[in-house]
Amino acid sequence: MDLVEQLVSCSENLLNVLQYSEDERDKQVEKVEQLLAEREWIIARLKEESRKNLNQHPKARKIVEMEQEIQKGIRHLYEDIKIDLKKWNEKKRLRQFYMNTFANVETYDGRFYDKRK
């Protein structure tokens, strides 16, 4: 299998992982990182070859199309993680507020100020 076919295969695997959201996001992110590292290695080896041969390869167009879909999938995964992190921080803030309800309240309860001179 030549490098272009390896790149197509790896890209297809990455698209499958990105399209089908797993219940455990940690495993999905780990798999995405692994496949991205593999793609990076293949692309580095392809850059060593001449670009002329790559443009003439019949699967070059498919790789470009898949790259756009991969970018969308990674962006979607990033946004999901960002939303979950925001929700988690909000829950953390609310939990701290309920645990220490009067921490931010400035009152003068129990104090008597005499206005007479």
C-alpha atoms as a PDB file:
ATOM      1  CA  MET A   1       0.000   0.000   0.000  1.00  0.00           C
ATOM      2  CA  ASP A   2       1.520   3.300  -1.001  1.00  0.00           C
ATOM      3  CA  LEU A   3       1.481   6.408   1.179  1.00  0.00           C
ATOM      4  CA  VAL A   4      -1.496   8.053  -0.521  1.00  0.00           C
ATOM      5  CA  GLU A   5      -3.645   4.982   0.062  1.00  0.00           C
ATOM      6  CA  GLN A   6      -2.474   4.870   3.683  1.00  0.00           C
ATOM      7  CA  LEU A   7      -3.469   8.524   4.042  1.00  0.00           C
ATOM      8  CA  VAL A   8      -6.906   7.837   2.549  1.00  0.00           C
ATOM      9  CA  SER A   9      -7.416   4.869   4.874  1.00  0.00           C
ATOM     10  CA  CYS A  10      -6.313   6.818   7.940  1.00  0.00           C
ATOM     11  CA  SER A  11      -8.492   9.779   6.965  1.00  0.00           C
ATOM     12  CA  GLU A  12     -11.521   7.525   6.540  1.00  0.00           C
ATOM     13  CA  ASN A  13     -10.917   6.018   9.978  1.00  0.00           C
ATOM     14  CA  LEU A  14     -10.658   9.497  11.464  1.00  0.00           C
ATOM     15  CA  LEU A  15     -13.898  10.583   9.791  1.00  0.00           C
ATOM     16  CA  ASN A  16     -15.672   7.522  11.183  1.00  0.00           C
ATOM     17  CA  VAL A  17     -14.463   8.284  14.708  1.00  0.00           C
ATOM     18  CA  LEU A  18     -15.524  11.936  14.400  1.00  0.00           C
ATOM     19  CA  GLN A  19     -18.942  11.225  12.892  1.00  0.00           C
ATOM     20  CA  TYR A  20     -20.088   8.642  15.406  1.00  0.00           C
ATOM     21  CA  SER A  21     -20.044  10.263  18.801  1.00  0.00           C
ATOM     22  CA  GLU A  22     -19.098   7.762  21.458  1.00  0.00           C
ATOM     23  CA  ASP A  23     -20.557   7.696  24.933  1.00  0.00           C
ATOM     24  CA  GLU A  24     -17.114   8.052  26.443  1.00  0.00           C
ATOM     25  CA  ARG A  25     -15.575  11.166  24.972  1.00  0.00           C
ATOM     26  CA  ASP A  26     -12.171  10.438  26.518  1.00  0.00           C
ATOM     27  CA  LYS A  27     -11.783   7.344  24.340  1.00  0.00           C
ATOM     28  CA  GLN A  28     -12.954   9.280  21.295  1.00  0.00           C
ATOM     29  CA  VAL A  29     -10.448  12.095  21.901  1.00  0.00           C
ATOM     30  CA  GLU A  30      -7.668   9.573  22.493  1.00  0.00           C
ATOM     31  CA  LYS A  31      -8.477   7.789  19.216  1.00  0.00           C
ATOM     32  CA  VAL A  32      -8.627  11.127  17.343  1.00  0.00           C
ATOM     33  CA  GLU A  33      -5.208  12.109  18.716  1.00  0.00           C
ATOM     34  CA  GLN A  34      -3.757   8.757  17.669  1.00  0.00           C
ATOM     35  CA  LEU A  35      -5.138   9.003  14.140  1.00  0.00           C
ATOM     36  CA  LEU A  36      -4.022  12.631  13.775  1.00  0.00           C
ATOM     37  CA  ALA A  37      -0.494  11.662  14.784  1.00  0.00           C
ATOM     38  CA  GLU A  38      -0.525   8.841  12.247  1.00  0.00           C
ATOM     39  CA  ARG A  39      -1.813  11.192   9.526  1.00  0.00           C
ATOM     40  CA  GLU A  40       0.862  13.739  10.407  1.00  0.00           C
ATOM     41  CA  TRP A  41       3.562  11.089  10.008  1.00  0.00           C
ATOM     42  CA  ILE A  42       2.161   9.985   6.627  1.00  0.00           C
ATOM     43  CA  ILE A  43       1.850  13.578   5.394  1.00  0.00           C
ATOM     44  CA  ALA A  44       5.437  14.321   6.430  1.00  0.00           C
ATOM     45  CA  ARG A  45       6.612  11.363   4.380  1.00  0.00           C
ATOM     46  CA  LEU A  46       4.465  12.463   1.441  1.00  0.00           C
ATOM     47  CA  LYS A  47       6.009  15.942   1.516  1.00  0.00           C
ATOM     48  CA  GLU A  48       9.375  14.344   0.932  1.00  0.00           C
ATOM     49  CA  GLU A  49       8.083  13.019  -2.392  1.00  0.00           C
ATOM     50  CA  SER A  50       7.521  15.401  -5.256  1.00  0.00           C
ATOM     51  CA  ARG A  51       4.281  17.348  -5.312  1.00  0.00           C
ATOM     52  CA  LYS A  52       3.872  16.683  -9.010  1.00  0.00           C
ATOM     53  CA  ASN A  53       3.212  13.008  -8.359  1.00  0.00           C
ATOM     54  CA  LEU A  54       0.681  13.819  -5.632  1.00  0.00           C
ATOM     55  CA  ASN A  55      -1.408  16.137  -7.819  1.00  0.00           C
ATOM     56  CA  GLN A  56      -1.683  13.464 -10.480  1.00  0.00           C
ATOM     57  CA  HIS A  57      -2.764  10.745  -8.080  1.00  0.00           C
ATOM     58  CA  PRO A  58      -6.408   9.699  -8.629  1.00  0.00           C
ATOM     59  CA  LYS A  59      -7.245   9.867  -4.902  1.00  0.00           C
ATOM     60  CA  ALA A  60      -5.830  13.364  -4.340  1.00  0.00           C
ATOM     61  CA  ARG A  61      -9.242  15.012  -4.763  1.00  0.00           C
ATOM     62  CA  LYS A  62     -10.808  12.587  -2.282  1.00  0.00           C
ATOM     63  CA  ILE A  63      -8.157  13.458   0.304  1.00  0.00           C
ATOM     64  CA  VAL A  64      -8.889  17.182  -0.037  1.00  0.00           C
ATOM     65  CA  GLU A  65     -12.636  16.596   0.373  1.00  0.00           C
ATOM     66  CA  MET A  66     -12.084  14.391   3.413  1.00  0.00           C
ATOM     67  CA  GLU A  67      -9.791  17.009   4.937  1.00  0.00           C
ATOM     68  CA  GLN A  68     -12.626  19.530   4.917  1.00  0.00           C
ATOM     69  CA  GLU A  69     -14.949  17.048   6.628  1.00  0.00           C
ATOM     70  CA  ILE A  70     -12.256  16.200   9.185  1.00  0.00           C
ATOM     71  CA  GLN A  71     -11.814  19.889  10.003  1.00  0.00           C
ATOM     72  CA  LYS A  72     -15.577  20.247  10.546  1.00  0.00           C
ATOM     73  CA  GLY A  73     -15.653  17.160  12.758  1.00  0.00           C
ATOM     74  CA  ILE A  74     -12.733  18.318  14.890  1.00  0.00           C
ATOM     75  CA  ARG A  75     -14.281  21.768  15.229  1.00  0.00           C
ATOM     76  CA  HIS A  76     -17.575  20.171  16.324  1.00  0.00           C
ATOM     77  CA  LEU A  77     -15.772  17.970  18.877  1.00  0.00           C
ATOM     78  CA  TYR A  78     -13.924  21.031  20.187  1.00  0.00           C
ATOM     79  CA  GLU A  79     -17.174  22.977  20.570  1.00  0.00           C
ATOM     80  CA  ASP A  80     -18.803  20.070  22.417  1.00  0.00           C
ATOM     81  CA  ILE A  81     -15.885  19.873  24.830  1.00  0.00           C
ATOM     82  CA  LYS A  82     -15.976  23.644  25.303  1.00  0.00           C
ATOM     83  CA  ILE A  83     -19.701  23.574  26.112  1.00  0.00           C
ATOM     84  CA  ASP A  84     -19.242  20.707  28.568  1.00  0.00           C
ATOM     85  CA  LEU A  85     -16.390  22.538  30.277  1.00  0.00           C
ATOM     86  CA  LYS A  86     -18.519  25.673  30.555  1.00  0.00           C
ATOM     87  CA  LYS A  87     -21.379  23.666  32.104  1.00  0.00           C
ATOM     88  CA  TRP A  88     -18.972  21.984  34.524  1.00  0.00           C
ATOM     89  CA  ASN A  89     -17.529  25.345  35.630  1.00  0.00           C
ATOM     90  CA  GLU A  90     -21.047  26.724  36.140  1.00  0.00           C
ATOM     91  CA  LYS A  91     -22.006  23.704  38.263  1.00  0.00           C
ATOM     92  CA  LYS A  92     -18.824  24.138  40.269  1.00  0.00           C
ATOM     93  CA  ARG A  93     -19.574  27.817  40.852  1.00  0.00           C
ATOM     94  CA  LEU A  94     -23.157  27.101  41.910  1.00  0.00           C
ATOM     95  CA  ARG A  95     -22.055  24.305  44.245  1.00  0.00           C
ATOM     96  CA  GLN A  96     -19.579  26.635  45.936  1.00  0.00           C
ATOM     97  CA  PHE A  97     -22.275  29.278  46.236  1.00  0.00           C
ATOM     98  CA  TYR A  98     -24.682  26.863  47.948  1.00  0.00           C
ATOM     99  CA  MET A  99     -21.987  25.508  50.257  1.00  0.00           C
ATOM    100  CA  ASN A 100     -21.094  28.994  51.479  1.00  0.00           C
ATOM    101  CA  THR A 101     -24.245  31.009  50.869  1.00  0.00           C
ATOM    102  CA  PHE A 102     -23.352  34.114  52.853  1.00  0.00           C
ATOM    103  CA  ALA A 103     -19.747  34.491  51.714  1.00  0.00           C
ATOM    104  CA  ASN A 104     -20.495  37.310  49.284  1.00  0.00           C
ATOM    105  CA  VAL A 105     -23.219  39.052  51.258  1.00  0.00           C
ATOM    106  CA  GLU A 106     -22.278  42.336  52.860  1.00  0.00           C
ATOM    107  CA  THR A 107     -24.701  43.019  55.666  1.00  0.00           C
ATOM    108  CA  TYR A 108     -24.526  44.869  58.913  1.00  0.00           C
ATOM    109  CA  ASP A 109     -26.845  42.539  60.807  1.00  0.00           C
ATOM    110  CA  GLY A 110     -26.315  42.696  64.529  1.00  0.00           C
ATOM    111  CA  ARG A 111     -24.741  46.121  64.466  1.00  0.00           C
ATOM    112  CA  PHE A 112     -26.332  49.152  65.990  1.00  0.00           C
ATOM    113  CA  TYR A 113     -25.389  52.604  64.886  1.00  0.00           C
ATOM    114  CA  ASP A 114     -26.539  55.480  67.063  1.00  0.00           C
ATOM    115  CA  LYS A 115     -27.241  58.519  64.977  1.00  0.00           C
ATOM    116  CA  ARG A 116     -27.455  60.844  67.995  1.00  0.00           C
ATOM    117  CA  LYS A 117     -24.539  62.952  68.983  1.00  0.00           C
END
